[in-house]
Amino acid sequence: MCASKTLSGTVASICDHTFWKLVASSRIVKEVHYTIDHYFSILKF
């Protein structure tokens, strides 16, 4: 019982960690995309 509880807790924390990594990386991608977009709009005008 204790072992399975620890295992499920570990799996949950790994999933949670992966989720937050995805959230952080998507935020970085948005920032980079916005910066590139902004840079190109400066170049155009």
PDB file of N, CA and C in Angstrom:
ATOM      1  N   MET A   1       0.840  -1.204   0.000  1.00  0.00           N
ATOM      2  CA  MET A   1       0.000   0.000   0.000  1.00  0.00           C
ATOM      3  C   MET A   1       0.877   1.257   0.000  1.00  0.00           C
ATOM      4  N   CYS A   2       1.820   1.320   0.928  1.00  0.00           N
ATOM      5  CA  CYS A   2       2.708   2.477   1.017  1.00  0.00           C
ATOM      6  C   CYS A   2       3.532   2.656  -0.259  1.00  0.00           C
ATOM      7  N   ALA A   3       4.010   1.530  -0.804  1.00  0.00           N
ATOM      8  CA  ALA A   3       4.844   1.585  -2.007  1.00  0.00           C
ATOM      9  C   ALA A   3       4.052   2.127  -3.193  1.00  0.00           C
ATOM     10  N   SER A   4       2.819   1.637  -3.364  1.00  0.00           N
ATOM     11  CA  SER A   4       1.999   2.100  -4.482  1.00  0.00           C
ATOM     12  C   SER A   4       1.612   3.572  -4.308  1.00  0.00           C
ATOM     13  N   LYS A   5       1.398   3.973  -3.060  1.00  0.00           N
ATOM     14  CA  LYS A   5       1.071   5.370  -2.771  1.00  0.00           C
ATOM     15  C   LYS A   5       2.248   6.272  -3.157  1.00  0.00           C
ATOM     16  N   THR A   6       3.453   5.851  -2.803  1.00  0.00           N
ATOM     17  CA  THR A   6       4.660   6.604  -3.146  1.00  0.00           C
ATOM     18  C   THR A   6       4.850   6.656  -4.658  1.00  0.00           C
ATOM     19  N   LEU A   7       4.604   5.515  -5.321  1.00  0.00           N
ATOM     20  CA  LEU A   7       4.758   5.430  -6.773  1.00  0.00           C
ATOM     21  C   LEU A   7       3.796   6.377  -7.479  1.00  0.00           C
ATOM     22  N   SER A   8       2.516   6.352  -7.074  1.00  0.00           N
ATOM     23  CA  SER A   8       1.533   7.233  -7.702  1.00  0.00           C
ATOM     24  C   SER A   8       1.859   8.699  -7.428  1.00  0.00           C
ATOM     25  N   GLY A   9       2.389   8.978  -6.238  1.00  0.00           N
ATOM     26  CA  GLY A   9       2.813  10.341  -5.910  1.00  0.00           C
ATOM     27  C   GLY A   9       3.961  10.797  -6.779  1.00  0.00           C
ATOM     28  N   THR A  10       4.898   9.877  -7.035  1.00  0.00           N
ATOM     29  CA  THR A  10       6.046  10.185  -7.895  1.00  0.00           C
ATOM     30  C   THR A  10       5.588  10.441  -9.322  1.00  0.00           C
ATOM     31  N   VAL A  11       4.706   9.575  -9.826  1.00  0.00           N
ATOM     32  CA  VAL A  11       4.159   9.733 -11.180  1.00  0.00           C
ATOM     33  C   VAL A  11       3.432  11.073 -11.295  1.00  0.00           C
ATOM     34  N   ALA A  12       2.621  11.399 -10.289  1.00  0.00           N
ATOM     35  CA  ALA A  12       1.884  12.664 -10.280  1.00  0.00           C
ATOM     36  C   ALA A  12       2.828  13.860 -10.306  1.00  0.00           C
ATOM     37  N   SER A  13       3.912  13.791  -9.517  1.00  0.00           N
ATOM     38  CA  SER A  13       4.854  14.909  -9.481  1.00  0.00           C
ATOM     39  C   SER A  13       5.617  15.041 -10.799  1.00  0.00           C
ATOM     40  N   ILE A  14       5.935  13.891 -11.433  1.00  0.00           N
ATOM     41  CA  ILE A  14       6.602  13.935 -12.746  1.00  0.00           C
ATOM     42  C   ILE A  14       5.671  14.559 -13.787  1.00  0.00           C
ATOM     43  N   CYS A  15       4.405  14.120 -13.779  1.00  0.00           N
ATOM     44  CA  CYS A  15       3.415  14.680 -14.709  1.00  0.00           C
ATOM     45  C   CYS A  15       3.246  16.180 -14.488  1.00  0.00           C
ATOM     46  N   ASP A  16       3.166  16.584 -13.225  1.00  0.00           N
ATOM     47  CA  ASP A  16       3.021  17.985 -12.863  1.00  0.00           C
ATOM     48  C   ASP A  16       4.226  18.789 -13.336  1.00  0.00           C
ATOM     49  N   HIS A  17       5.421  18.240 -13.129  1.00  0.00           N
ATOM     50  CA  HIS A  17       6.665  18.893 -13.538  1.00  0.00           C
ATOM     51  C   HIS A  17       6.710  19.060 -15.058  1.00  0.00           C
ATOM     52  N   THR A  18       6.326  18.001 -15.787  1.00  0.00           N
ATOM     53  CA  THR A  18       6.293  18.044 -17.252  1.00  0.00           C
ATOM     54  C   THR A  18       5.296  19.094 -17.723  1.00  0.00           C
ATOM     55  N   PHE A  19       4.119  19.131 -17.071  1.00  0.00           N
ATOM     56  CA  PHE A  19       3.088  20.108 -17.410  1.00  0.00           C
ATOM     57  C   PHE A  19       3.603  21.539 -17.261  1.00  0.00           C
ATOM     58  N   TRP A  20       4.267  21.823 -16.139  1.00  0.00           N
ATOM     59  CA  TRP A  20       4.782  23.175 -15.923  1.00  0.00           C
ATOM     60  C   TRP A  20       5.911  23.515 -16.878  1.00  0.00           C
ATOM     61  N   LYS A  21       6.722  22.493 -17.270  1.00  0.00           N
ATOM     62  CA  LYS A  21       7.768  22.723 -18.266  1.00  0.00           C
ATOM     63  C   LYS A  21       7.137  23.107 -19.601  1.00  0.00           C
ATOM     64  N   LEU A  22       6.051  22.418 -19.962  1.00  0.00           N
ATOM     65  CA  LEU A  22       5.330  22.731 -21.196  1.00  0.00           C
ATOM     66  C   LEU A  22       4.732  24.130 -21.150  1.00  0.00           C
ATOM     67  N   VAL A  23       4.136  24.484 -20.023  1.00  0.00           N
ATOM     68  CA  VAL A  23       3.565  25.825 -19.854  1.00  0.00           C
ATOM     69  C   VAL A  23       4.649  26.893 -19.999  1.00  0.00           C
ATOM     70  N   ALA A  24       5.781  26.675 -19.325  1.00  0.00           N
ATOM     71  CA  ALA A  24       6.892  27.622 -19.385  1.00  0.00           C
ATOM     72  C   ALA A  24       7.454  27.733 -20.798  1.00  0.00           C
ATOM     73  N   SER A  25       7.638  26.598 -21.479  1.00  0.00           N
ATOM     74  CA  SER A  25       8.200  26.638 -22.828  1.00  0.00           C
ATOM     75  C   SER A  25       7.231  27.282 -23.812  1.00  0.00           C
ATOM     76  N   SER A  26       5.923  27.051 -23.663  1.00  0.00           N
ATOM     77  CA  SER A  26       4.958  27.691 -24.552  1.00  0.00           C
ATOM     78  C   SER A  26       4.938  29.200 -24.326  1.00  0.00           C
ATOM     79  N   ARG A  27       5.134  29.620 -23.083  1.00  0.00           N
ATOM     80  CA  ARG A  27       5.210  31.046 -22.757  1.00  0.00           C
ATOM     81  C   ARG A  27       6.442  31.667 -23.407  1.00  0.00           C
ATOM     82  N   ILE A  28       7.574  30.955 -23.357  1.00  0.00           N
ATOM     83  CA  ILE A  28       8.806  31.431 -23.992  1.00  0.00           C
ATOM     84  C   ILE A  28       8.603  31.545 -25.502  1.00  0.00           C
ATOM     85  N   VAL A  29       7.961  30.535 -26.106  1.00  0.00           N
ATOM     86  CA  VAL A  29       7.679  30.553 -27.546  1.00  0.00           C
ATOM     87  C   VAL A  29       6.822  31.764 -27.903  1.00  0.00           C
ATOM     88  N   LYS A  30       5.792  32.041 -27.099  1.00  0.00           N
ATOM     89  CA  LYS A  30       4.941  33.213 -27.331  1.00  0.00           C
ATOM     90  C   LYS A  30       5.744  34.504 -27.257  1.00  0.00           C
ATOM     91  N   GLU A  31       6.601  34.619 -26.249  1.00  0.00           N
ATOM     92  CA  GLU A  31       7.450  35.804 -26.084  1.00  0.00           C
ATOM     93  C   GLU A  31       8.361  36.000 -27.291  1.00  0.00           C
ATOM     94  N   VAL A  32       9.007  34.909 -27.718  1.00  0.00           N
ATOM     95  CA  VAL A  32       9.913  34.968 -28.866  1.00  0.00           C
ATOM     96  C   VAL A  32       9.140  35.350 -30.120  1.00  0.00           C
ATOM     97  N   HIS A  33       7.979  34.734 -30.321  1.00  0.00           N
ATOM     98  CA  HIS A  33       7.143  35.028 -31.483  1.00  0.00           C
ATOM     99  C   HIS A  33       6.736  36.503 -31.488  1.00  0.00           C
ATOM    100  N   TYR A  34       6.324  37.016 -30.335  1.00  0.00           N
ATOM    101  CA  TYR A  34       5.942  38.417 -30.199  1.00  0.00           C
ATOM    102  C   TYR A  34       7.115  39.338 -30.507  1.00  0.00           C
ATOM    103  N   THR A  35       8.288  39.007 -29.997  1.00  0.00           N
ATOM    104  CA  THR A  35       9.494  39.810 -30.224  1.00  0.00           C
ATOM    105  C   THR A  35       9.857  39.843 -31.699  1.00  0.00           C
ATOM    106  N   ILE A  36       9.823  38.671 -32.359  1.00  0.00           N
ATOM    107  CA  ILE A  36      10.121  38.589 -33.793  1.00  0.00           C
ATOM    108  C   ILE A  36       9.094  39.394 -34.587  1.00  0.00           C
ATOM    109  N   ASP A  37       7.825  39.237 -34.243  1.00  0.00           N
ATOM    110  CA  ASP A  37       6.734  39.959 -34.894  1.00  0.00           C
ATOM    111  C   ASP A  37       6.949  41.468 -34.777  1.00  0.00           C
ATOM    112  N   HIS A  38       7.271  41.916 -33.575  1.00  0.00           N
ATOM    113  CA  HIS A  38       7.518  43.319 -33.281  1.00  0.00           C
ATOM    114  C   HIS A  38       8.711  43.837 -34.093  1.00  0.00           C
ATOM    115  N   TYR A  39       9.778  43.031 -34.124  1.00  0.00           N
ATOM    116  CA  TYR A  39      10.996  43.377 -34.859  1.00  0.00           C
ATOM    117  C   TYR A  39      10.717  43.535 -36.351  1.00  0.00           C
ATOM    118  N   PHE A  40       9.948  42.599 -36.922  1.00  0.00           N
ATOM    119  CA  PHE A  40       9.620  42.684 -38.343  1.00  0.00           C
ATOM    120  C   PHE A  40       8.707  43.868 -38.650  1.00  0.00           C
ATOM    121  N   SER A  41       7.800  44.197 -37.748  1.00  0.00           N
ATOM    122  CA  SER A  41       6.931  45.352 -37.979  1.00  0.00           C
ATOM    123  C   SER A  41       7.739  46.647 -37.958  1.00  0.00           C
ATOM    124  N   ILE A  42       8.799  46.706 -37.148  1.00  0.00           N
ATOM    125  CA  ILE A  42       9.703  47.862 -37.140  1.00  0.00           C
ATOM    126  C   ILE A  42      10.453  47.943 -38.474  1.00  0.00           C
ATOM    127  N   LEU A  43      10.909  46.796 -38.966  1.00  0.00           N
ATOM    128  CA  LEU A  43      11.630  46.760 -40.239  1.00  0.00           C
ATOM    129  C   LEU A  43      10.751  47.181 -41.411  1.00  0.00           C
ATOM    130  N   LYS A  44       9.479  46.784 -41.380  1.00  0.00           N
ATOM    131  CA  LYS A  44       8.568  47.091 -42.484  1.00  0.00           C
ATOM    132  C   LYS A  44       8.262  48.581 -42.595  1.00  0.00           C
ATOM    133  N   PHE A  45       8.068  49.230 -41.453  1.00  0.00           N
ATOM    134  CA  PHE A  45       7.658  50.643 -41.483  1.00  0.00           C
ATOM    135  C   PHE A  45       8.798  51.618 -41.240  1.00  0.00           C
TER     136      PHE A  45
END
